PDB file of N, CA and C in Angstrom:
ATOM      1  N   UNK A   1     -77.613  29.449-154.662  1.00  0.00           N
ATOM      2  CA  UNK A   1     -77.092  29.567-155.865  1.00  0.00           C
ATOM      3  C   UNK A   1     -77.295  28.454-156.741  1.00  0.00           C
ATOM      4  N   UNK A   2     -77.780  28.379-157.936  1.00  0.00           N
ATOM      5  CA  UNK A   2     -78.137  27.411-158.775  1.00  0.00           C
ATOM      6  C   UNK A   2     -76.934  27.121-159.706  1.00  0.00           C
ATOM      7  N   UNK A   3     -76.801  25.611-159.799  1.00  0.00           N
ATOM      8  CA  UNK A   3     -75.394  25.218-160.544  1.00  0.00           C
ATOM      9  C   UNK A   3     -76.011  24.701-161.811  1.00  0.00           C
ATOM     10  N   UNK A   4     -75.188  24.598-162.906  1.00  0.00           N
ATOM     11  CA  UNK A   4     -75.616  23.797-164.165  1.00  0.00           C
ATOM     12  C   UNK A   4     -74.823  22.646-164.385  1.00  0.00           C
ATOM     13  N   UNK A   5     -75.651  21.371-164.469  1.00  0.00           N
ATOM     14  CA  UNK A   5     -75.115  20.211-164.634  1.00  0.00           C
ATOM     15  C   UNK A   5     -75.522  19.491-166.048  1.00  0.00           C
ATOM     16  N   UNK A   6     -74.749  18.628-166.608  1.00  0.00           N
ATOM     17  CA  UNK A   6     -75.123  18.176-167.729  1.00  0.00           C
ATOM     18  C   UNK A   6     -74.667  16.641-167.648  1.00  0.00           C
ATOM     19  N   UNK A   7     -75.661  15.721-167.759  1.00  0.00           N
ATOM     20  CA  UNK A   7     -75.393  14.203-167.718  1.00  0.00           C
ATOM     21  C   UNK A   7     -75.523  13.653-169.203  1.00  0.00           C
ATOM     22  N   UNK A   8     -74.472  12.995-169.634  1.00  0.00           N
ATOM     23  CA  UNK A   8     -74.536  12.217-170.887  1.00  0.00           C
ATOM     24  C   UNK A   8     -73.757  11.013-171.002  1.00  0.00           C
ATOM     25  N   UNK A   9     -74.293   9.854-171.237  1.00  0.00           N
ATOM     26  CA  UNK A   9     -73.385   8.757-171.329  1.00  0.00           C
ATOM     27  C   UNK A   9     -72.271   8.492-170.253  1.00  0.00           C
ATOM     28  N   UNK A  10     -72.685   8.512-169.050  1.00  0.00           N
ATOM     29  CA  UNK A  10     -71.673   8.353-167.852  1.00  0.00           C
ATOM     30  C   UNK A  10     -70.930   9.471-167.599  1.00  0.00           C
ATOM     31  N   UNK A  11     -70.941  10.682-168.329  1.00  0.00           N
ATOM     32  CA  UNK A  11     -70.219  11.896-168.029  1.00  0.00           C
ATOM     33  C   UNK A  11     -71.070  12.872-167.450  1.00  0.00           C
ATOM     34  N   UNK A  12     -70.406  13.301-166.481  1.00  0.00           N
ATOM     35  CA  UNK A  12     -71.175  14.639-165.677  1.00  0.00           C
ATOM     36  C   UNK A  12     -70.451  15.835-166.014  1.00  0.00           C
ATOM     37  N   UNK A  13     -70.772  16.823-166.474  1.00  0.00           N
ATOM     38  CA  UNK A  13     -70.229  18.176-166.808  1.00  0.00           C
ATOM     39  C   UNK A  13     -70.863  19.197-165.838  1.00  0.00           C
ATOM     40  N   UNK A  14     -69.878  19.824-165.011  1.00  0.00           N
ATOM     41  CA  UNK A  14     -70.326  20.836-164.056  1.00  0.00           C
ATOM     42  C   UNK A  14     -69.863  22.200-164.667  1.00  0.00           C
ATOM     43  N   UNK A  15     -70.717  23.013-164.795  1.00  0.00           N
ATOM     44  CA  UNK A  15     -70.546  24.464-165.300  1.00  0.00           C
ATOM     45  C   UNK A  15     -69.995  25.214-163.996  1.00  0.00           C
ATOM     46  N   UNK A  16     -68.920  25.474-163.645  1.00  0.00           N
ATOM     47  CA  UNK A  16     -68.352  25.926-162.238  1.00  0.00           C
ATOM     48  C   UNK A  16     -68.801  27.392-162.477  1.00  0.00           C
ATOM     49  N   UNK A  17     -69.221  27.908-161.323  1.00  0.00           N
ATOM     50  CA  UNK A  17     -69.759  29.311-161.126  1.00  0.00           C
ATOM     51  C   UNK A  17     -68.652  30.255-161.282  1.00  0.00           C
ATOM     52  N   UNK A  18     -69.018  31.702-161.529  1.00  0.00           N
ATOM     53  CA  UNK A  18     -68.053  32.725-161.734  1.00  0.00           C
ATOM     54  C   UNK A  18     -67.035  32.729-160.572  1.00  0.00           C
ATOM     55  N   UNK A  19     -67.657  32.512-159.317  1.00  0.00           N
ATOM     56  CA  UNK A  19     -66.723  32.410-158.207  1.00  0.00           C
ATOM     57  C   UNK A  19     -66.841  31.182-157.327  1.00  0.00           C
ATOM     58  N   UNK A  20     -65.839  30.357-157.437  1.00  0.00           N
ATOM     59  CA  UNK A  20     -66.043  29.167-156.678  1.00  0.00           C
ATOM     60  C   UNK A  20     -65.327  29.379-155.301  1.00  0.00           C
ATOM     61  N   UNK A  21     -65.940  30.020-154.287  1.00  0.00           N
ATOM     62  CA  UNK A  21     -65.406  30.220-153.118  1.00  0.00           C
ATOM     63  C   UNK A  21     -65.976  29.448-151.932  1.00  0.00           C
ATOM     64  N   UNK A  22     -65.900  29.754-150.548  1.00  0.00           N
ATOM     65  CA  UNK A  22     -66.353  28.980-149.720  1.00  0.00           C
ATOM     66  C   UNK A  22     -67.849  29.185-149.415  1.00  0.00           C
ATOM     67  N   UNK A  23     -68.478  30.232-150.126  1.00  0.00           N
ATOM     68  CA  UNK A  23     -70.077  30.429-150.040  1.00  0.00           C
ATOM     69  C   UNK A  23     -70.673  29.474-150.884  1.00  0.00           C
ATOM     70  N   UNK A  24     -70.078  28.913-152.040  1.00  0.00           N
ATOM     71  CA  UNK A  24     -70.876  28.062-152.768  1.00  0.00           C
ATOM     72  C   UNK A  24     -70.104  26.520-152.847  1.00  0.00           C
ATOM     73  N   UNK A  25     -69.016  26.408-152.300  1.00  0.00           N
ATOM     74  CA  UNK A  25     -68.252  25.100-152.466  1.00  0.00           C
ATOM     75  C   UNK A  25     -69.159  24.063-151.640  1.00  0.00           C
ATOM     76  N   UNK A  26     -69.700  24.226-150.617  1.00  0.00           N
ATOM     77  CA  UNK A  26     -70.515  23.043-149.800  1.00  0.00           C
ATOM     78  C   UNK A  26     -71.748  22.645-150.638  1.00  0.00           C
ATOM     79  N   UNK A  27     -72.406  23.420-151.140  1.00  0.00           N
ATOM     80  CA  UNK A  27     -73.664  23.085-152.077  1.00  0.00           C
ATOM     81  C   UNK A  27     -73.074  22.319-153.231  1.00  0.00           C
ATOM     82  N   UNK A  28     -72.063  23.025-153.907  1.00  0.00           N
ATOM     83  CA  UNK A  28     -71.551  22.274-155.100  1.00  0.00           C
ATOM     84  C   UNK A  28     -70.969  20.858-154.789  1.00  0.00           C
ATOM     85  N   UNK A  29     -70.235  20.720-153.886  1.00  0.00           N
ATOM     86  CA  UNK A  29     -69.770  19.278-153.257  1.00  0.00           C
ATOM     87  C   UNK A  29     -70.730  18.355-153.063  1.00  0.00           C
ATOM     88  N   UNK A  30     -71.911  18.783-152.372  1.00  0.00           N
ATOM     89  CA  UNK A  30     -72.968  18.049-151.980  1.00  0.00           C
ATOM     90  C   UNK A  30     -73.559  17.650-153.268  1.00  0.00           C
ATOM     91  N   UNK A  31     -74.136  18.419-154.086  1.00  0.00           N
ATOM     92  CA  UNK A  31     -74.797  18.165-155.229  1.00  0.00           C
ATOM     93  C   UNK A  31     -74.000  17.414-156.168  1.00  0.00           C
ATOM     94  N   UNK A  32     -72.604  17.542-156.567  1.00  0.00           N
ATOM     95  CA  UNK A  32     -71.905  16.846-157.445  1.00  0.00           C
ATOM     96  C   UNK A  32     -71.691  15.268-156.863  1.00  0.00           C
ATOM     97  N   UNK A  33     -71.495  15.204-155.478  1.00  0.00           N
ATOM     98  CA  UNK A  33     -71.462  13.903-155.099  1.00  0.00           C
ATOM     99  C   UNK A  33     -72.714  12.980-154.989  1.00  0.00           C
ATOM    100  N   UNK A  34     -73.932  13.584-154.824  1.00  0.00           N
ATOM    101  CA  UNK A  34     -75.117  13.037-155.061  1.00  0.00           C
ATOM    102  C   UNK A  34     -75.416  12.750-156.555  1.00  0.00           C
ATOM    103  N   UNK A  35     -75.011  13.370-157.548  1.00  0.00           N
ATOM    104  CA  UNK A  35     -75.053  13.118-158.822  1.00  0.00           C
ATOM    105  C   UNK A  35     -74.209  11.883-159.506  1.00  0.00           C
ATOM    106  N   UNK A  36     -72.975  12.133-158.891  1.00  0.00           N
ATOM    107  CA  UNK A  36     -71.979  11.017-159.198  1.00  0.00           C
ATOM    108  C   UNK A  36     -72.542   9.666-158.689  1.00  0.00           C
ATOM    109  N   UNK A  37     -72.893   9.524-157.500  1.00  0.00           N
ATOM    110  CA  UNK A  37     -73.483   8.378-156.854  1.00  0.00           C
ATOM    111  C   UNK A  37     -74.749   8.006-157.537  1.00  0.00           C
ATOM    112  N   UNK A  38     -75.579   8.630-157.648  1.00  0.00           N
ATOM    113  CA  UNK A  38     -76.894   8.403-158.337  1.00  0.00           C
ATOM    114  C   UNK A  38     -76.830   7.874-159.733  1.00  0.00           C
ATOM    115  N   UNK A  39     -76.044   8.422-160.558  1.00  0.00           N
ATOM    116  CA  UNK A  39     -75.995   8.242-161.964  1.00  0.00           C
ATOM    117  C   UNK A  39     -74.757   7.333-162.404  1.00  0.00           C
ATOM    118  N   UNK A  40     -74.087   6.865-161.484  1.00  0.00           N
ATOM    119  CA  UNK A  40     -72.780   6.222-161.590  1.00  0.00           C
ATOM    120  C   UNK A  40     -72.007   6.657-162.727  1.00  0.00           C
ATOM    121  N   UNK A  41     -71.488   7.882-162.518  1.00  0.00           N
ATOM    122  CA  UNK A  41     -70.650   8.613-163.294  1.00  0.00           C
ATOM    123  C   UNK A  41     -69.023   8.170-163.500  1.00  0.00           C
ATOM    124  N   UNK A  42     -68.669   7.885-164.516  1.00  0.00           N
ATOM    125  CA  UNK A  42     -67.212   7.478-164.798  1.00  0.00           C
ATOM    126  C   UNK A  42     -66.332   8.452-165.342  1.00  0.00           C
ATOM    127  N   UNK A  43     -67.074   9.747-165.662  1.00  0.00           N
ATOM    128  CA  UNK A  43     -66.121  10.618-166.266  1.00  0.00           C
ATOM    129  C   UNK A  43     -66.759  12.187-165.675  1.00  0.00           C
ATOM    130  N   UNK A  44     -65.909  12.978-164.926  1.00  0.00           N
ATOM    131  CA  UNK A  44     -66.318  14.147-164.520  1.00  0.00           C
ATOM    132  C   UNK A  44     -65.655  15.093-165.223  1.00  0.00           C
ATOM    133  N   UNK A  45     -66.387  16.209-165.660  1.00  0.00           N
ATOM    134  CA  UNK A  45     -65.661  17.251-166.473  1.00  0.00           C
ATOM    135  C   UNK A  45     -66.091  18.628-165.625  1.00  0.00           C
ATOM    136  N   UNK A  46     -65.047  19.451-165.307  1.00  0.00           N
ATOM    137  CA  UNK A  46     -65.509  20.677-164.655  1.00  0.00           C
ATOM    138  C   UNK A  46     -65.002  21.779-165.841  1.00  0.00           C
ATOM    139  N   UNK A  47     -66.160  22.328-166.221  1.00  0.00           N
ATOM    140  CA  UNK A  47     -66.219  23.439-167.324  1.00  0.00           C
ATOM    141  C   UNK A  47     -66.008  24.961-166.496  1.00  0.00           C
ATOM    142  N   UNK A  48     -64.903  25.490-166.800  1.00  0.00           N
ATOM    143  CA  UNK A  48     -64.523  26.720-166.114  1.00  0.00           C
ATOM    144  C   UNK A  48     -64.519  28.218-167.050  1.00  0.00           C
ATOM    145  N   UNK A  49     -65.506  27.799-168.032  1.00  0.00           N
ATOM    146  CA  UNK A  49     -65.688  28.911-169.071  1.00  0.00           C
ATOM    147  C   UNK A  49     -66.083  30.256-168.432  1.00  0.00           C
ATOM    148  N   UNK A  50     -66.916  30.226-167.407  1.00  0.00           N
ATOM    149  CA  UNK A  50     -67.535  31.448-166.781  1.00  0.00           C
ATOM    150  C   UNK A  50     -66.740  31.703-165.558  1.00  0.00           C
ATOM    151  N   UNK A  51     -65.594  31.173-165.101  1.00  0.00           N
ATOM    152  CA  UNK A  51     -65.185  31.362-163.819  1.00  0.00           C
ATOM    153  C   UNK A  51     -64.066  32.261-163.795  1.00  0.00           C
ATOM    154  N   UNK A  52     -64.114  33.196-162.666  1.00  0.00           N
ATOM    155  CA  UNK A  52     -63.263  34.262-162.719  1.00  0.00           C
ATOM    156  C   UNK A  52     -62.170  34.113-161.427  1.00  0.00           C
ATOM    157  N   UNK A  53     -62.701  33.449-160.498  1.00  0.00           N
ATOM    158  CA  UNK A  53     -61.998  33.406-159.222  1.00  0.00           C
ATOM    159  C   UNK A  53     -62.319  31.895-158.557  1.00  0.00           C
ATOM    160  N   UNK A  54     -61.395  31.234-157.853  1.00  0.00           N
ATOM    161  CA  UNK A  54     -61.375  30.094-156.993  1.00  0.00           C
ATOM    162  C   UNK A  54     -60.370  30.291-155.918  1.00  0.00           C
ATOM    163  N   UNK A  55     -60.892  29.923-154.653  1.00  0.00           N
ATOM    164  CA  UNK A  55     -60.146  30.134-153.586  1.00  0.00           C
ATOM    165  C   UNK A  55     -59.844  28.697-153.025  1.00  0.00           C
ATOM    166  N   UNK A  56     -59.361  28.462-151.865  1.00  0.00           N
ATOM    167  CA  UNK A  56     -58.815  27.258-151.322  1.00  0.00           C
ATOM    168  C   UNK A  56     -60.113  26.098-151.186  1.00  0.00           C
ATOM    169  N   UNK A  57     -61.340  26.652-150.790  1.00  0.00           N
ATOM    170  CA  UNK A  57     -62.436  25.793-150.826  1.00  0.00           C
ATOM    171  C   UNK A  57     -62.817  25.253-152.091  1.00  0.00           C
ATOM    172  N   UNK A  58     -62.617  26.134-153.114  1.00  0.00           N
ATOM    173  CA  UNK A  58     -62.990  25.521-154.356  1.00  0.00           C
ATOM    174  C   UNK A  58     -61.834  24.403-154.894  1.00  0.00           C
ATOM    175  N   UNK A  59     -60.706  24.632-154.485  1.00  0.00           N
ATOM    176  CA  UNK A  59     -59.671  23.881-154.872  1.00  0.00           C
ATOM    177  C   UNK A  59     -59.932  22.425-154.005  1.00  0.00           C
ATOM    178  N   UNK A  60     -60.258  22.527-152.892  1.00  0.00           N
ATOM    179  CA  UNK A  60     -60.648  21.434-152.051  1.00  0.00           C
ATOM    180  C   UNK A  60     -61.866  20.658-152.757  1.00  0.00           C
ATOM    181  N   UNK A  61     -62.949  21.165-153.321  1.00  0.00           N
ATOM    182  CA  UNK A  61     -63.935  20.732-153.958  1.00  0.00           C
ATOM    183  C   UNK A  61     -63.361  19.690-155.128  1.00  0.00           C
ATOM    184  N   UNK A  62     -62.349  20.232-155.874  1.00  0.00           N
ATOM    185  CA  UNK A  62     -61.727  19.770-156.968  1.00  0.00           C
ATOM    186  C   UNK A  62     -60.990  18.470-156.405  1.00  0.00           C
ATOM    187  N   UNK A  63     -60.095  18.656-155.630  1.00  0.00           N
ATOM    188  CA  UNK A  63     -59.483  17.626-154.967  1.00  0.00           C
ATOM    189  C   UNK A  63     -60.393  16.435-154.392  1.00  0.00           C
ATOM    190  N   UNK A  64     -61.295  16.723-153.673  1.00  0.00           N
ATOM    191  CA  UNK A  64     -61.986  15.765-153.179  1.00  0.00           C
ATOM    192  C   UNK A  64     -62.827  15.025-154.177  1.00  0.00           C
ATOM    193  N   UNK A  65     -63.478  15.646-155.342  1.00  0.00           N
ATOM    194  CA  UNK A  65     -64.107  14.848-156.347  1.00  0.00           C
ATOM    195  C   UNK A  65     -63.096  14.050-157.196  1.00  0.00           C
ATOM    196  N   UNK A  66     -62.008  14.457-157.362  1.00  0.00           N
ATOM    197  CA  UNK A  66     -60.847  13.994-158.062  1.00  0.00           C
ATOM    198  C   UNK A  66     -60.510  12.412-157.358  1.00  0.00           C
ATOM    199  N   UNK A  67     -60.377  12.557-155.885  1.00  0.00           N
ATOM    200  CA  UNK A  67     -59.899  11.280-155.307  1.00  0.00           C
ATOM    201  C   UNK A  67     -61.234  10.454-155.334  1.00  0.00           C
ATOM    202  N   UNK A  68     -62.517  10.942-155.046  1.00  0.00           N
ATOM    203  CA  UNK A  68     -63.703   9.930-155.278  1.00  0.00           C
ATOM    204  C   UNK A  68     -63.825   9.364-156.590  1.00  0.00           C
ATOM    205  N   UNK A  69     -63.649  10.094-157.655  1.00  0.00           N
ATOM    206  CA  UNK A  69     -63.583   9.483-159.003  1.00  0.00           C
ATOM    207  C   UNK A  69     -62.551   8.621-159.309  1.00  0.00           C
ATOM    208  N   UNK A  70     -61.353   8.619-158.656  1.00  0.00           N
ATOM    209  CA  UNK A  70     -60.187   7.721-158.871  1.00  0.00           C
ATOM    210  C   UNK A  70     -60.493   6.504-158.059  1.00  0.00           C
ATOM    211  N   UNK A  71     -60.936   6.776-156.879  1.00  0.00           N
ATOM    212  CA  UNK A  71     -61.249   5.488-156.094  1.00  0.00           C
ATOM    213  C   UNK A  71     -62.341   4.591-156.897  1.00  0.00           C
ATOM    214  N   UNK A  72     -63.225   5.254-157.749  1.00  0.00           N
ATOM    215  CA  UNK A  72     -64.279   4.255-158.255  1.00  0.00           C
ATOM    216  C   UNK A  72     -63.865   3.986-159.652  1.00  0.00           C
ATOM    217  N   UNK A  73     -62.694   4.220-160.005  1.00  0.00           N
ATOM    218  CA  UNK A  73     -62.212   4.016-161.423  1.00  0.00           C
ATOM    219  C   UNK A  73     -62.473   5.114-162.509  1.00  0.00           C
ATOM    220  N   UNK A  74     -63.112   6.155-162.215  1.00  0.00           N
ATOM    221  CA  UNK A  74     -63.421   7.099-162.981  1.00  0.00           C
ATOM    222  C   UNK A  74     -62.349   8.324-163.272  1.00  0.00           C
ATOM    223  N   UNK A  75     -62.644   8.958-164.136  1.00  0.00           N
ATOM    224  CA  UNK A  75     -61.498  10.230-164.438  1.00  0.00           C
ATOM    225  C   UNK A  75     -62.083  11.636-164.300  1.00  0.00           C
ATOM    226  N   UNK A  76     -61.237  12.579-164.217  1.00  0.00           N
ATOM    227  CA  UNK A  76     -61.817  13.896-163.738  1.00  0.00           C
ATOM    228  C   UNK A  76     -61.088  14.736-164.971  1.00  0.00           C
ATOM    229  N   UNK A  77     -61.389  15.714-165.524  1.00  0.00           N
ATOM    230  CA  UNK A  77     -61.095  16.692-166.666  1.00  0.00           C
ATOM    231  C   UNK A  77     -61.558  18.063-166.420  1.00  0.00           C
ATOM    232  N   UNK A  78     -60.707  18.985-166.748  1.00  0.00           N
ATOM    233  CA  UNK A  78     -61.199  20.470-166.735  1.00  0.00           C
ATOM    234  C   UNK A  78     -61.001  21.028-167.939  1.00  0.00           C
ATOM    235  N   UNK A  79     -61.943  21.881-168.457  1.00  0.00           N
ATOM    236  CA  UNK A  79     -61.854  22.573-169.615  1.00  0.00           C
ATOM    237  C   UNK A  79     -62.220  24.017-169.523  1.00  0.00           C
ATOM    238  N   UNK A  80     -61.815  24.834-170.385  1.00  0.00           N
ATOM    239  CA  UNK A  80     -61.902  26.129-170.653  1.00  0.00           C
ATOM    240  C   UNK A  80     -61.409  27.232-169.558  1.00  0.00           C
ATOM    241  N   UNK A  81     -60.116  26.705-169.241  1.00  0.00           N
ATOM    242  CA  UNK A  81     -59.443  27.427-168.015  1.00  0.00           C
ATOM    243  C   UNK A  81     -58.886  28.789-168.512  1.00  0.00           C
ATOM    244  N   UNK A  82     -59.302  29.961-167.984  1.00  0.00           N
ATOM    245  CA  UNK A  82     -58.650  31.181-168.445  1.00  0.00           C
ATOM    246  C   UNK A  82     -57.062  31.263-167.753  1.00  0.00           C
ATOM    247  N   UNK A  83     -56.359  32.284-168.029  1.00  0.00           N
ATOM    248  CA  UNK A  83     -55.012  32.521-167.401  1.00  0.00           C
ATOM    249  C   UNK A  83     -55.136  32.332-165.789  1.00  0.00           C
ATOM    250  N   UNK A  84     -56.039  32.958-165.298  1.00  0.00           N
ATOM    251  CA  UNK A  84     -56.011  32.836-163.836  1.00  0.00           C
ATOM    252  C   UNK A  84     -56.198  31.728-163.010  1.00  0.00           C
ATOM    253  N   UNK A  85     -57.294  31.043-163.653  1.00  0.00           N
ATOM    254  CA  UNK A  85     -57.615  29.657-163.354  1.00  0.00           C
ATOM    255  C   UNK A  85     -56.438  28.603-163.293  1.00  0.00           C
ATOM    256  N   UNK A  86     -55.990  28.980-164.788  1.00  0.00           N
ATOM    257  CA  UNK A  86     -54.713  28.039-165.133  1.00  0.00           C
ATOM    258  C   UNK A  86     -53.600  28.173-164.002  1.00  0.00           C
ATOM    259  N   UNK A  87     -53.286  29.386-163.689  1.00  0.00           N
ATOM    260  CA  UNK A  87     -52.301  29.678-162.760  1.00  0.00           C
ATOM    261  C   UNK A  87     -52.756  28.851-161.427  1.00  0.00           C
ATOM    262  N   UNK A  88     -53.978  29.071-160.977  1.00  0.00           N
ATOM    263  CA  UNK A  88     -54.291  28.449-159.635  1.00  0.00           C
ATOM    264  C   UNK A  88     -54.082  26.942-159.902  1.00  0.00           C
ATOM    265  N   UNK A  89     -54.352  26.371-160.917  1.00  0.00           N
ATOM    266  CA  UNK A  89     -54.282  24.718-161.156  1.00  0.00           C
ATOM    267  C   UNK A  89     -52.601  24.462-161.074  1.00  0.00           C
ATOM    268  N   UNK A  90     -51.885  25.389-161.561  1.00  0.00           N
ATOM    269  CA  UNK A  90     -50.466  24.996-161.484  1.00  0.00           C
ATOM    270  C   UNK A  90     -49.800  25.291-160.049  1.00  0.00           C
ATOM    271  N   UNK A  91     -50.094  26.369-159.355  1.00  0.00           N
ATOM    272  CA  UNK A  91     -49.622  26.732-158.003  1.00  0.00           C
ATOM    273  C   UNK A  91     -50.067  25.620-157.107  1.00  0.00           C
ATOM    274  N   UNK A  92     -51.565  25.350-157.109  1.00  0.00           N
ATOM    275  CA  UNK A  92     -52.006  24.249-156.401  1.00  0.00           C
ATOM    276  C   UNK A  92     -51.627  22.740-156.461  1.00  0.00           C
ATOM    277  N   UNK A  93     -51.163  22.619-157.808  1.00  0.00           N
ATOM    278  CA  UNK A  93     -50.785  21.142-158.044  1.00  0.00           C
ATOM    279  C   UNK A  93     -52.090  20.345-158.644  1.00  0.00           C
ATOM    280  N   UNK A  94     -53.166  21.224-159.021  1.00  0.00           N
ATOM    281  CA  UNK A  94     -54.306  20.328-159.577  1.00  0.00           C
ATOM    282  C   UNK A  94     -54.030  19.864-160.824  1.00  0.00           C
ATOM    283  N   UNK A  95     -53.309  20.543-161.746  1.00  0.00           N
ATOM    284  CA  UNK A  95     -52.772  20.146-162.996  1.00  0.00           C
ATOM    285  C   UNK A  95     -52.150  18.709-163.066  1.00  0.00           C
ATOM    286  N   UNK A  96     -51.584  18.395-161.867  1.00  0.00           N
ATOM    287  CA  UNK A  96     -50.978  16.800-161.801  1.00  0.00           C
ATOM    288  C   UNK A  96     -52.009  15.747-161.484  1.00  0.00           C
ATOM    289  N   UNK A  97     -53.347  16.354-160.954  1.00  0.00           N
ATOM    290  CA  UNK A  97     -54.254  15.294-160.466  1.00  0.00           C
ATOM    291  C   UNK A  97     -55.625  15.341-161.717  1.00  0.00           C
ATOM    292  N   UNK A  98     -55.705  16.408-162.353  1.00  0.00           N
ATOM    293  CA  UNK A  98     -56.851  16.546-163.202  1.00  0.00           C
ATOM    294  C   UNK A  98     -56.294  16.978-164.761  1.00  0.00           C
ATOM    295  N   UNK A  99     -56.822  16.033-165.464  1.00  0.00           N
ATOM    296  CA  UNK A  99     -56.382  16.271-167.007  1.00  0.00           C
ATOM    297  C   UNK A  99     -57.085  17.683-167.559  1.00  0.00           C
ATOM    298  N   UNK A 100     -56.331  18.597-168.022  1.00  0.00           N
ATOM    299  CA  UNK A 100     -56.786  19.920-168.530  1.00  0.00           C
ATOM    300  C   UNK A 100     -56.859  19.742-169.954  1.00  0.00           C
ATOM    301  N   UNK A 101     -58.036  19.997-170.520  1.00  0.00           N
ATOM    302  CA  UNK A 101     -58.093  20.160-171.985  1.00  0.00           C
ATOM    303  C   UNK A 101     -57.909  21.399-172.429  1.00  0.00           C
ATOM    304  N   UNK A 102     -57.336  21.697-173.595  1.00  0.00           N
ATOM    305  CA  UNK A 102     -57.340  23.001-174.209  1.00  0.00           C
ATOM    306  C   UNK A 102     -58.476  23.926-174.396  1.00  0.00           C
ATOM    307  N   UNK A 103     -58.347  25.108-174.331  1.00  0.00           N
ATOM    308  CA  UNK A 103     -59.602  25.999-174.579  1.00  0.00           C
ATOM    309  C   UNK A 103     -60.069  25.855-176.113  1.00  0.00           C
ATOM    310  N   UNK A 104     -61.305  26.125-176.206  1.00  0.00           N
ATOM    311  CA  UNK A 104     -61.945  25.930-177.578  1.00  0.00           C
ATOM    312  C   UNK A 104     -60.947  26.896-178.752  1.00  0.00           C
ATOM    313  N   UNK A 105     -60.644  28.085-178.170  1.00  0.00           N
ATOM    314  CA  UNK A 105     -59.917  29.026-178.854  1.00  0.00           C
ATOM    315  C   UNK A 105     -58.263  28.844-179.111  1.00  0.00           C
ATOM    316  N   UNK A 106     -58.026  27.686-178.314  1.00  0.00           N
ATOM    317  CA  UNK A 106     -56.516  27.425-178.347  1.00  0.00           C
ATOM    318  C   UNK A 106     -56.261  26.162-179.329  1.00  0.00           C
ATOM    319  N   UNK A 107     -57.295  25.441-179.568  1.00  0.00           N
ATOM    320  CA  UNK A 107     -57.357  24.177-180.353  1.00  0.00           C
ATOM    321  C   UNK A 107     -56.815  24.411-181.637  1.00  0.00           C
ATOM    322  N   UNK A 108     -57.245  25.500-182.349  1.00  0.00           N
ATOM    323  CA  UNK A 108     -56.660  25.690-183.730  1.00  0.00           C
ATOM    324  C   UNK A 108     -55.387  26.291-183.748  1.00  0.00           C
ATOM    325  N   UNK A 109     -54.943  26.658-182.660  1.00  0.00           N
ATOM    326  CA  UNK A 109     -53.350  27.352-182.587  1.00  0.00           C
ATOM    327  C   UNK A 109     -52.249  26.113-182.372  1.00  0.00           C
ATOM    328  N   UNK A 110     -52.742  24.896-182.274  1.00  0.00           N
ATOM    329  CA  UNK A 110     -51.836  23.653-181.887  1.00  0.00           C
ATOM    330  C   UNK A 110     -51.264  23.462-183.242  1.00  0.00           C
TER     331      UNK A 110
END
């Protein structure tokens, strides 16, 4: 599986796949860690625009990257969460560890 990453001014944005499960978690974890270390990333953004499902392996990837970024003084954000992913964030406690930015379509409603 191929993942999409964007590097810009010390920020790494990861386009989370449609399903973040145990099948893709290992590769995503390895690639993200390599990019974070290689490019000295200080801000990590997970973009969930196309994500429909995430299991405990996916949650583990997010928690691990969050701990690594905090250890190095960086920050972690999540954006474009649909209702399903938002519920996973709340139930798992991810919303307490990761800054969740509002969806583009919700910004105008504030």
